[in-house]
Amino acid sequence: MKNSSSQGLKLTTVIFAVIIMAVSAMLSGNSVAENMDVEITQSEE
């Protein structure tokens, strides 16, 4: 019983970490994309 509950806790922690990483990746990905767009438009001028 102890083993299965700790396994479930680890699984929940992993899922939680993956969700956090996905959200932060989307947020940072959006800002990076905006910065790249700004740099590209500036270099074209």
PDB file of N, CA and C in Angstrom:
ATOM      1  N   MET A   1       0.849  -1.201   0.000  1.00  0.00           N
ATOM      2  CA  MET A   1       0.000   0.000   0.000  1.00  0.00           C
ATOM      3  C   MET A   1       0.884   1.251   0.000  1.00  0.00           C
ATOM      4  N   LYS A   2       1.899   1.223   0.845  1.00  0.00           N
ATOM      5  CA  LYS A   2       2.794   2.373   0.930  1.00  0.00           C
ATOM      6  C   LYS A   2       3.443   2.644  -0.436  1.00  0.00           C
ATOM      7  N   ASN A   3       3.868   1.575  -1.093  1.00  0.00           N
ATOM      8  CA  ASN A   3       4.568   1.697  -2.373  1.00  0.00           C
ATOM      9  C   ASN A   3       3.671   2.317  -3.438  1.00  0.00           C
ATOM     10  N   SER A   4       2.435   1.866  -3.535  1.00  0.00           N
ATOM     11  CA  SER A   4       1.538   2.365  -4.577  1.00  0.00           C
ATOM     12  C   SER A   4       1.190   3.839  -4.338  1.00  0.00           C
ATOM     13  N   SER A   5       1.047   4.247  -3.079  1.00  0.00           N
ATOM     14  CA  SER A   5       0.701   5.641  -2.803  1.00  0.00           C
ATOM     15  C   SER A   5       1.874   6.556  -3.137  1.00  0.00           C
ATOM     16  N   SER A   6       3.106   6.123  -2.858  1.00  0.00           N
ATOM     17  CA  SER A   6       4.266   6.951  -3.190  1.00  0.00           C
ATOM     18  C   SER A   6       4.445   7.005  -4.701  1.00  0.00           C
ATOM     19  N   GLN A   7       4.093   5.921  -5.387  1.00  0.00           N
ATOM     20  CA  GLN A   7       4.176   5.907  -6.837  1.00  0.00           C
ATOM     21  C   GLN A   7       3.174   6.904  -7.422  1.00  0.00           C
ATOM     22  N   GLY A   8       1.974   6.918  -6.875  1.00  0.00           N
ATOM     23  CA  GLY A   8       0.953   7.851  -7.338  1.00  0.00           C
ATOM     24  C   GLY A   8       1.375   9.283  -7.075  1.00  0.00           C
ATOM     25  N   LEU A   9       2.030   9.513  -5.947  1.00  0.00           N
ATOM     26  CA  LEU A   9       2.502  10.856  -5.614  1.00  0.00           C
ATOM     27  C   LEU A   9       3.555  11.294  -6.618  1.00  0.00           C
ATOM     28  N   LYS A  10       4.476  10.389  -6.959  1.00  0.00           N
ATOM     29  CA  LYS A  10       5.506  10.712  -7.944  1.00  0.00           C
ATOM     30  C   LYS A  10       4.866  11.028  -9.285  1.00  0.00           C
ATOM     31  N   LEU A  11       3.888  10.239  -9.686  1.00  0.00           N
ATOM     32  CA  LEU A  11       3.214  10.439 -10.969  1.00  0.00           C
ATOM     33  C   LEU A  11       2.523  11.801 -10.994  1.00  0.00           C
ATOM     34  N   THR A  12       1.849  12.136  -9.904  1.00  0.00           N
ATOM     35  CA  THR A  12       1.172  13.426  -9.817  1.00  0.00           C
ATOM     36  C   THR A  12       2.187  14.567  -9.898  1.00  0.00           C
ATOM     37  N   THR A  13       3.320  14.399  -9.218  1.00  0.00           N
ATOM     38  CA  THR A  13       4.362  15.432  -9.238  1.00  0.00           C
ATOM     39  C   THR A  13       4.914  15.605 -10.640  1.00  0.00           C
ATOM     40  N   VAL A  14       5.127  14.512 -11.352  1.00  0.00           N
ATOM     41  CA  VAL A  14       5.659  14.565 -12.718  1.00  0.00           C
ATOM     42  C   VAL A  14       4.666  15.276 -13.627  1.00  0.00           C
ATOM     43  N   ILE A  15       3.388  14.902 -13.532  1.00  0.00           N
ATOM     44  CA  ILE A  15       2.357  15.539 -14.366  1.00  0.00           C
ATOM     45  C   ILE A  15       2.292  17.030 -14.064  1.00  0.00           C
ATOM     46  N   PHE A  16       2.339  17.380 -12.781  1.00  0.00           N
ATOM     47  CA  PHE A  16       2.296  18.776 -12.361  1.00  0.00           C
ATOM     48  C   PHE A  16       3.476  19.540 -12.939  1.00  0.00           C
ATOM     49  N   ALA A  17       4.666  18.942 -12.876  1.00  0.00           N
ATOM     50  CA  ALA A  17       5.874  19.587 -13.399  1.00  0.00           C
ATOM     51  C   ALA A  17       5.772  19.765 -14.910  1.00  0.00           C
ATOM     52  N   VAL A  18       5.251  18.768 -15.601  1.00  0.00           N
ATOM     53  CA  VAL A  18       5.117  18.843 -17.063  1.00  0.00           C
ATOM     54  C   VAL A  18       4.164  19.970 -17.448  1.00  0.00           C
ATOM     55  N   ILE A  19       3.057  20.096 -16.715  1.00  0.00           N
ATOM     56  CA  ILE A  19       2.088  21.162 -17.002  1.00  0.00           C
ATOM     57  C   ILE A  19       2.743  22.527 -16.792  1.00  0.00           C
ATOM     58  N   ILE A  20       3.487  22.680 -15.691  1.00  0.00           N
ATOM     59  CA  ILE A  20       4.155  23.952 -15.410  1.00  0.00           C
ATOM     60  C   ILE A  20       5.158  24.273 -16.519  1.00  0.00           C
ATOM     61  N   MET A  21       5.940  23.269 -16.922  1.00  0.00           N
ATOM     62  CA  MET A  21       6.928  23.496 -17.980  1.00  0.00           C
ATOM     63  C   MET A  21       6.249  23.867 -19.289  1.00  0.00           C
ATOM     64  N   ALA A  22       5.125  23.214 -19.587  1.00  0.00           N
ATOM     65  CA  ALA A  22       4.406  23.502 -20.828  1.00  0.00           C
ATOM     66  C   ALA A  22       3.878  24.932 -20.821  1.00  0.00           C
ATOM     67  N   VAL A  23       3.312  25.361 -19.702  1.00  0.00           N
ATOM     68  CA  VAL A  23       2.774  26.721 -19.602  1.00  0.00           C
ATOM     69  C   VAL A  23       3.898  27.743 -19.712  1.00  0.00           C
ATOM     70  N   SER A  24       4.998  27.516 -18.981  1.00  0.00           N
ATOM     71  CA  SER A  24       6.115  28.465 -19.028  1.00  0.00           C
ATOM     72  C   SER A  24       6.739  28.482 -20.420  1.00  0.00           C
ATOM     73  N   ALA A  25       6.768  27.326 -21.083  1.00  0.00           N
ATOM     74  CA  ALA A  25       7.318  27.259 -22.444  1.00  0.00           C
ATOM     75  C   ALA A  25       6.443  28.060 -23.400  1.00  0.00           C
ATOM     76  N   MET A  26       5.124  27.978 -23.229  1.00  0.00           N
ATOM     77  CA  MET A  26       4.215  28.742 -24.086  1.00  0.00           C
ATOM     78  C   MET A  26       4.395  30.238 -23.843  1.00  0.00           C
ATOM     79  N   LEU A  27       4.498  30.623 -22.566  1.00  0.00           N
ATOM     80  CA  LEU A  27       4.648  32.037 -22.233  1.00  0.00           C
ATOM     81  C   LEU A  27       5.969  32.571 -22.770  1.00  0.00           C
ATOM     82  N   SER A  28       7.061  31.856 -22.516  1.00  0.00           N
ATOM     83  CA  SER A  28       8.367  32.306 -22.990  1.00  0.00           C
ATOM     84  C   SER A  28       8.438  32.186 -24.506  1.00  0.00           C
ATOM     85  N   GLY A  29       7.783  31.203 -25.076  1.00  0.00           N
ATOM     86  CA  GLY A  29       7.772  31.030 -26.524  1.00  0.00           C
ATOM     87  C   GLY A  29       7.088  32.200 -27.195  1.00  0.00           C
ATOM     88  N   ASN A  30       6.011  32.685 -26.595  1.00  0.00           N
ATOM     89  CA  ASN A  30       5.296  33.833 -27.160  1.00  0.00           C
ATOM     90  C   ASN A  30       6.179  35.075 -27.125  1.00  0.00           C
ATOM     91  N   SER A  31       6.839  35.328 -25.997  1.00  0.00           N
ATOM     92  CA  SER A  31       7.679  36.519 -25.886  1.00  0.00           C
ATOM     93  C   SER A  31       8.886  36.407 -26.806  1.00  0.00           C
ATOM     94  N   VAL A  32       9.449  35.224 -26.948  1.00  0.00           N
ATOM     95  CA  VAL A  32      10.589  35.024 -27.839  1.00  0.00           C
ATOM     96  C   VAL A  32      10.158  35.278 -29.277  1.00  0.00           C
ATOM     97  N   ALA A  33       8.979  34.787 -29.655  1.00  0.00           N
ATOM     98  CA  ALA A  33       8.472  34.988 -31.012  1.00  0.00           C
ATOM     99  C   ALA A  33       8.262  36.481 -31.272  1.00  0.00           C
ATOM    100  N   GLU A  34       7.754  37.207 -30.301  1.00  0.00           N
ATOM    101  CA  GLU A  34       7.547  38.648 -30.456  1.00  0.00           C
ATOM    102  C   GLU A  34       8.887  39.360 -30.609  1.00  0.00           C
ATOM    103  N   ASN A  35       9.866  38.976 -29.798  1.00  0.00           N
ATOM    104  CA  ASN A  35      11.185  39.597 -29.884  1.00  0.00           C
ATOM    105  C   ASN A  35      11.814  39.321 -31.239  1.00  0.00           C
ATOM    106  N   MET A  36      11.660  38.096 -31.747  1.00  0.00           N
ATOM    107  CA  MET A  36      12.227  37.747 -33.039  1.00  0.00           C
ATOM    108  C   MET A  36      11.562  38.563 -34.146  1.00  0.00           C
ATOM    109  N   ASP A  37      10.251  38.730 -34.062  1.00  0.00           N
ATOM    110  CA  ASP A  37       9.530  39.533 -35.056  1.00  0.00           C
ATOM    111  C   ASP A  37      10.054  40.962 -35.053  1.00  0.00           C
ATOM    112  N   VAL A  38      10.261  41.517 -33.872  1.00  0.00           N
ATOM    113  CA  VAL A  38      10.757  42.890 -33.755  1.00  0.00           C
ATOM    114  C   VAL A  38      12.148  42.986 -34.354  1.00  0.00           C
ATOM    115  N   GLU A  39      13.024  42.023 -34.045  1.00  0.00           N
ATOM    116  CA  GLU A  39      14.392  42.043 -34.582  1.00  0.00           C
ATOM    117  C   GLU A  39      14.384  41.916 -36.089  1.00  0.00           C
ATOM    118  N   ILE A  40      13.533  41.044 -36.607  1.00  0.00           N
ATOM    119  CA  ILE A  40      13.464  40.820 -38.058  1.00  0.00           C
ATOM    120  C   ILE A  40      13.000  42.085 -38.773  1.00  0.00           C
ATOM    121  N   THR A  41      11.973  42.743 -38.240  1.00  0.00           N
ATOM    122  CA  THR A  41      11.447  43.945 -38.887  1.00  0.00           C
ATOM    123  C   THR A  41      12.464  45.079 -38.788  1.00  0.00           C
ATOM    124  N   GLN A  42      13.203  45.151 -37.684  1.00  0.00           N
ATOM    125  CA  GLN A  42      14.202  46.197 -37.527  1.00  0.00           C
ATOM    126  C   GLN A  42      15.354  45.975 -38.520  1.00  0.00           C
ATOM    127  N   SER A  43      15.784  44.750 -38.695  1.00  0.00           N
ATOM    128  CA  SER A  43      16.914  44.471 -39.588  1.00  0.00           C
ATOM    129  C   SER A  43      16.519  44.682 -41.050  1.00  0.00           C
ATOM    130  N   GLU A  44      15.235  44.543 -41.370  1.00  0.00           N
ATOM    131  CA  GLU A  44      14.800  44.735 -42.752  1.00  0.00           C
ATOM    132  C   GLU A  44      14.792  46.210 -43.138  1.00  0.00           C
ATOM    133  N   GLU A  45      14.644  47.105 -42.161  1.00  0.00           N
ATOM    134  CA  GLU A  45      14.538  48.533 -42.482  1.00  0.00           C
ATOM    135  C   GLU A  45      15.830  49.162 -42.909  1.00  0.00           C
TER     136      GLU A  45
END
